[in-house]
């Protein structure tokens, strides 16, 4: 018997800004936060997110994270029960 290949469902939207929120619901995978302080030499800092202050969240190691600064808006990814800084969100030109 030939099995059908597994196909992931696709997103039906081209605008993902509605998926970014300061207050994630329990099933939300992405959110945004604001850098309060940042030490680029160790890639650690303080982040305002979901109405609270968080310190030393894990980061996706990319060269761009070395240039984060206070008030930068960052994209967060939820992994299990923890949040990970994925990168900086830039305003379109």
N, C-alpha and C. Protein backbone atom coordinates (compact mmCIF):
# COMPACT_ATOMS: atom_id res chain seq x y z
N UNK A 1 0.84 -1.17 0.00
CA UNK A 1 0.00 0.00 0.00
C UNK A 1 0.89 1.25 0.00
N UNK A 2 0.58 2.20 -0.83
CA UNK A 2 1.32 3.46 -0.89
C UNK A 2 0.69 4.45 0.06
N UNK A 3 1.53 5.01 0.95
CA UNK A 3 1.02 5.99 1.91
C UNK A 3 1.12 7.40 1.35
N UNK A 4 0.15 8.21 1.72
CA UNK A 4 0.17 9.62 1.33
C UNK A 4 1.27 10.33 2.10
N UNK A 5 2.04 11.23 1.46
CA UNK A 5 3.05 11.99 2.21
C UNK A 5 2.39 12.97 3.18
N UNK A 6 3.06 13.19 4.30
CA UNK A 6 2.56 14.15 5.28
C UNK A 6 2.84 15.56 4.79
N UNK A 7 1.83 16.41 4.77
CA UNK A 7 1.97 17.78 4.32
C UNK A 7 1.58 18.71 5.45
N UNK A 8 2.47 19.64 5.79
CA UNK A 8 2.15 20.62 6.82
C UNK A 8 1.14 21.61 6.30
N UNK A 9 0.18 22.01 7.12
CA UNK A 9 -0.78 23.04 6.67
C UNK A 9 -0.06 24.36 6.47
N UNK A 10 -0.47 25.11 5.49
CA UNK A 10 0.17 26.39 5.20
C UNK A 10 -0.60 27.54 5.83
N UNK A 11 0.11 28.64 6.06
CA UNK A 11 -0.55 29.85 6.55
C UNK A 11 -1.36 30.46 5.42
N UNK A 12 -2.50 30.96 5.74
CA UNK A 12 -3.37 31.54 4.73
C UNK A 12 -3.33 33.06 4.75
N UNK A 13 -2.21 33.63 5.16
CA UNK A 13 -2.11 35.08 5.25
C UNK A 13 -0.72 35.53 4.79
N UNK A 14 -0.64 36.72 4.25
CA UNK A 14 0.65 37.27 3.88
C UNK A 14 1.09 38.32 4.89
N UNK A 15 0.21 38.72 5.80
CA UNK A 15 0.53 39.71 6.82
C UNK A 15 0.62 39.01 8.17
N UNK A 16 1.85 38.89 8.70
CA UNK A 16 2.07 38.18 9.95
C UNK A 16 2.11 39.12 11.15
N UNK A 17 1.90 40.42 10.95
CA UNK A 17 1.98 41.35 12.08
C UNK A 17 0.94 41.04 13.14
N UNK A 18 -0.19 40.47 12.76
CA UNK A 18 -1.21 40.12 13.74
C UNK A 18 -0.79 38.98 14.65
N UNK A 19 0.23 38.23 14.26
CA UNK A 19 0.70 37.12 15.10
C UNK A 19 1.69 37.59 16.15
N UNK A 20 2.17 38.83 16.03
CA UNK A 20 3.12 39.37 16.99
C UNK A 20 2.37 40.17 18.04
N UNK A 21 2.59 39.85 19.28
CA UNK A 21 1.84 40.47 20.35
C UNK A 21 2.72 40.62 21.57
N UNK A 22 2.44 41.65 22.39
CA UNK A 22 3.14 41.81 23.65
C UNK A 22 2.61 40.84 24.71
N UNK A 23 1.40 40.35 24.54
CA UNK A 23 0.77 39.46 25.52
C UNK A 23 0.39 38.14 24.84
N UNK A 24 1.27 37.15 24.93
CA UNK A 24 0.98 35.90 24.23
C UNK A 24 -0.09 35.07 24.93
N UNK A 25 -0.89 34.36 24.15
CA UNK A 25 -1.82 33.41 24.75
C UNK A 25 -1.07 32.08 24.95
N UNK A 26 -1.65 31.11 25.63
CA UNK A 26 -0.92 29.88 25.97
C UNK A 26 -0.38 29.10 24.78
N UNK A 27 -1.00 29.24 23.61
CA UNK A 27 -0.53 28.48 22.47
C UNK A 27 0.29 29.31 21.49
N UNK A 28 0.50 30.57 21.77
CA UNK A 28 1.24 31.44 20.87
C UNK A 28 2.71 31.06 20.86
N UNK A 29 3.30 31.00 19.67
CA UNK A 29 4.69 30.62 19.53
C UNK A 29 5.62 31.81 19.36
N UNK A 30 5.11 32.95 18.87
CA UNK A 30 5.94 34.12 18.63
C UNK A 30 5.37 35.32 19.38
N UNK A 31 6.25 36.21 19.79
CA UNK A 31 5.84 37.45 20.46
C UNK A 31 6.95 38.47 20.23
N UNK A 32 6.73 39.68 20.72
CA UNK A 32 7.77 40.70 20.61
C UNK A 32 8.06 41.27 21.99
N UNK A 33 9.28 41.71 22.17
CA UNK A 33 9.71 42.33 23.41
C UNK A 33 10.60 43.52 23.10
N UNK A 34 10.93 44.30 24.12
CA UNK A 34 11.78 45.48 23.94
C UNK A 34 13.01 45.37 24.83
N UNK A 35 14.17 45.64 24.25
CA UNK A 35 15.43 45.57 24.99
C UNK A 35 15.49 46.75 25.98
N UNK A 36 15.74 46.44 27.26
CA UNK A 36 15.90 47.45 28.31
C UNK A 36 17.38 47.73 28.54
N UNK A 37 18.20 46.68 28.55
CA UNK A 37 19.66 46.81 28.62
C UNK A 37 20.27 45.65 27.86
N UNK A 38 21.48 45.85 27.32
CA UNK A 38 22.10 44.80 26.51
C UNK A 38 23.61 44.90 26.59
N UNK A 39 24.28 43.77 26.86
CA UNK A 39 25.74 43.67 26.86
C UNK A 39 26.12 42.85 25.64
N UNK A 40 26.58 43.52 24.58
CA UNK A 40 26.86 42.84 23.32
C UNK A 40 28.04 41.87 23.43
N UNK A 41 28.93 42.08 24.39
CA UNK A 41 30.09 41.18 24.50
C UNK A 41 29.69 39.78 24.96
N UNK A 42 28.63 39.67 25.75
CA UNK A 42 28.17 38.36 26.22
C UNK A 42 26.78 38.00 25.67
N UNK A 43 26.22 38.92 24.90
CA UNK A 43 24.89 38.73 24.29
C UNK A 43 23.84 38.37 25.33
N UNK A 44 23.81 39.16 26.37
CA UNK A 44 22.83 39.00 27.44
C UNK A 44 22.33 40.37 27.85
N UNK A 45 21.10 40.41 28.36
CA UNK A 45 20.56 41.68 28.80
C UNK A 45 19.22 41.52 29.46
N UNK A 46 18.52 42.64 29.53
CA UNK A 46 17.21 42.71 30.16
C UNK A 46 16.19 43.06 29.09
N UNK A 47 15.01 42.42 29.18
CA UNK A 47 13.99 42.55 28.16
C UNK A 47 12.64 42.81 28.82
N UNK A 48 11.89 43.77 28.27
CA UNK A 48 10.53 44.02 28.71
C UNK A 48 9.61 43.24 27.78
N UNK A 49 8.79 42.38 28.40
CA UNK A 49 7.94 41.51 27.61
C UNK A 49 6.75 41.05 28.45
N UNK A 50 5.57 41.11 27.88
CA UNK A 50 4.36 40.61 28.53
C UNK A 50 4.10 41.31 29.87
N UNK A 51 4.43 42.61 29.94
CA UNK A 51 4.19 43.38 31.15
C UNK A 51 5.17 43.14 32.27
N UNK A 52 6.26 42.43 32.01
CA UNK A 52 7.25 42.14 33.05
C UNK A 52 8.66 42.33 32.48
N UNK A 53 9.64 42.29 33.37
CA UNK A 53 11.05 42.40 32.99
C UNK A 53 11.69 41.03 33.12
N UNK A 54 12.41 40.61 32.08
CA UNK A 54 13.10 39.33 32.07
C UNK A 54 14.59 39.57 31.85
N UNK A 55 15.41 38.74 32.48
CA UNK A 55 16.86 38.86 32.34
C UNK A 55 17.43 37.59 31.75
N UNK A 56 18.46 37.78 30.93
CA UNK A 56 19.27 36.68 30.41
C UNK A 56 18.48 35.59 29.70
N UNK A 57 17.56 35.98 28.82
CA UNK A 57 16.88 34.99 27.99
C UNK A 57 17.90 34.39 27.03
N UNK A 58 17.67 33.15 26.63
CA UNK A 58 18.53 32.53 25.62
C UNK A 58 18.37 33.29 24.30
N UNK A 59 19.39 33.23 23.47
CA UNK A 59 19.35 33.91 22.18
C UNK A 59 19.75 32.95 21.07
N UNK A 60 19.20 33.18 19.88
CA UNK A 60 19.66 32.49 18.69
C UNK A 60 20.96 33.18 18.31
N UNK A 61 22.05 32.47 18.26
CA UNK A 61 23.37 33.08 18.08
C UNK A 61 23.58 33.53 16.63
N UNK A 62 23.41 34.83 16.40
CA UNK A 62 23.67 35.41 15.08
C UNK A 62 24.52 36.66 15.28
N UNK A 63 25.31 37.04 14.30
CA UNK A 63 26.13 38.25 14.43
C UNK A 63 25.30 39.51 14.68
N UNK A 64 24.08 39.55 14.19
CA UNK A 64 23.24 40.74 14.35
C UNK A 64 22.90 41.01 15.82
N UNK A 65 22.87 39.98 16.66
CA UNK A 65 22.53 40.19 18.06
C UNK A 65 23.59 40.98 18.81
N UNK A 66 24.81 41.01 18.29
CA UNK A 66 25.85 41.81 18.92
C UNK A 66 25.54 43.29 18.82
N UNK A 67 24.72 43.68 17.85
CA UNK A 67 24.42 45.10 17.65
C UNK A 67 23.10 45.53 18.28
N UNK A 68 22.46 44.68 19.09
CA UNK A 68 21.22 45.09 19.75
C UNK A 68 21.49 46.26 20.68
N UNK A 69 20.49 47.10 20.84
CA UNK A 69 20.64 48.29 21.69
C UNK A 69 19.33 48.52 22.46
N UNK A 70 19.42 49.37 23.46
CA UNK A 70 18.24 49.72 24.26
C UNK A 70 17.13 50.23 23.35
N UNK A 71 15.91 49.81 23.61
CA UNK A 71 14.68 50.16 22.88
C UNK A 71 14.51 49.41 21.56
N UNK A 72 15.44 48.52 21.19
CA UNK A 72 15.21 47.68 20.01
C UNK A 72 14.07 46.72 20.30
N UNK A 73 13.25 46.47 19.29
CA UNK A 73 12.16 45.50 19.41
C UNK A 73 12.67 44.18 18.84
N UNK A 74 12.48 43.09 19.60
CA UNK A 74 12.99 41.80 19.18
C UNK A 74 11.86 40.79 19.05
N UNK A 75 12.10 39.80 18.20
CA UNK A 75 11.16 38.70 18.00
C UNK A 75 11.53 37.58 18.98
N UNK A 76 10.51 37.05 19.65
CA UNK A 76 10.71 35.95 20.60
C UNK A 76 10.03 34.70 20.08
N UNK A 77 10.65 33.57 20.34
CA UNK A 77 10.10 32.27 19.97
C UNK A 77 9.94 31.45 21.24
N UNK A 78 8.76 30.85 21.41
CA UNK A 78 8.51 30.03 22.59
C UNK A 78 8.98 28.60 22.32
N UNK A 79 9.83 28.10 23.19
CA UNK A 79 10.30 26.72 23.11
C UNK A 79 10.01 26.06 24.45
N UNK A 80 9.10 25.09 24.44
CA UNK A 80 8.62 24.45 25.67
C UNK A 80 8.03 25.53 26.56
N UNK A 81 8.61 25.80 27.72
CA UNK A 81 8.10 26.84 28.62
C UNK A 81 9.02 28.04 28.69
N UNK A 82 9.96 28.14 27.76
CA UNK A 82 10.93 29.24 27.77
C UNK A 82 10.80 30.06 26.50
N UNK A 83 11.29 31.30 26.57
CA UNK A 83 11.31 32.18 25.41
C UNK A 83 12.75 32.38 24.96
N UNK A 84 12.95 32.47 23.66
CA UNK A 84 14.24 32.63 23.02
C UNK A 84 14.21 33.87 22.16
N UNK A 85 15.24 34.72 22.27
CA UNK A 85 15.34 35.89 21.39
C UNK A 85 15.85 35.42 20.03
N UNK A 86 15.06 35.64 18.99
CA UNK A 86 15.41 35.19 17.66
C UNK A 86 16.15 36.28 16.88
N UNK A 87 15.74 37.52 17.02
CA UNK A 87 16.38 38.60 16.29
C UNK A 87 15.63 39.90 16.45
N UNK A 88 16.20 40.93 15.86
CA UNK A 88 15.62 42.27 15.94
C UNK A 88 14.57 42.46 14.85
N UNK A 89 13.49 43.17 15.19
CA UNK A 89 12.44 43.49 14.22
C UNK A 89 12.72 44.92 13.73
N UNK A 90 12.85 45.06 12.42
CA UNK A 90 13.13 46.37 11.83
C UNK A 90 11.87 46.92 11.19
N UNK A 91 11.67 48.23 11.29
CA UNK A 91 10.56 48.88 10.61
C UNK A 91 10.83 48.90 9.11
N UNK A 92 9.81 48.63 8.31
CA UNK A 92 10.03 48.71 6.85
C UNK A 92 10.28 50.16 6.44
N UNK A 93 11.07 50.33 5.40
CA UNK A 93 11.40 51.68 4.92
C UNK A 93 10.26 52.31 4.18
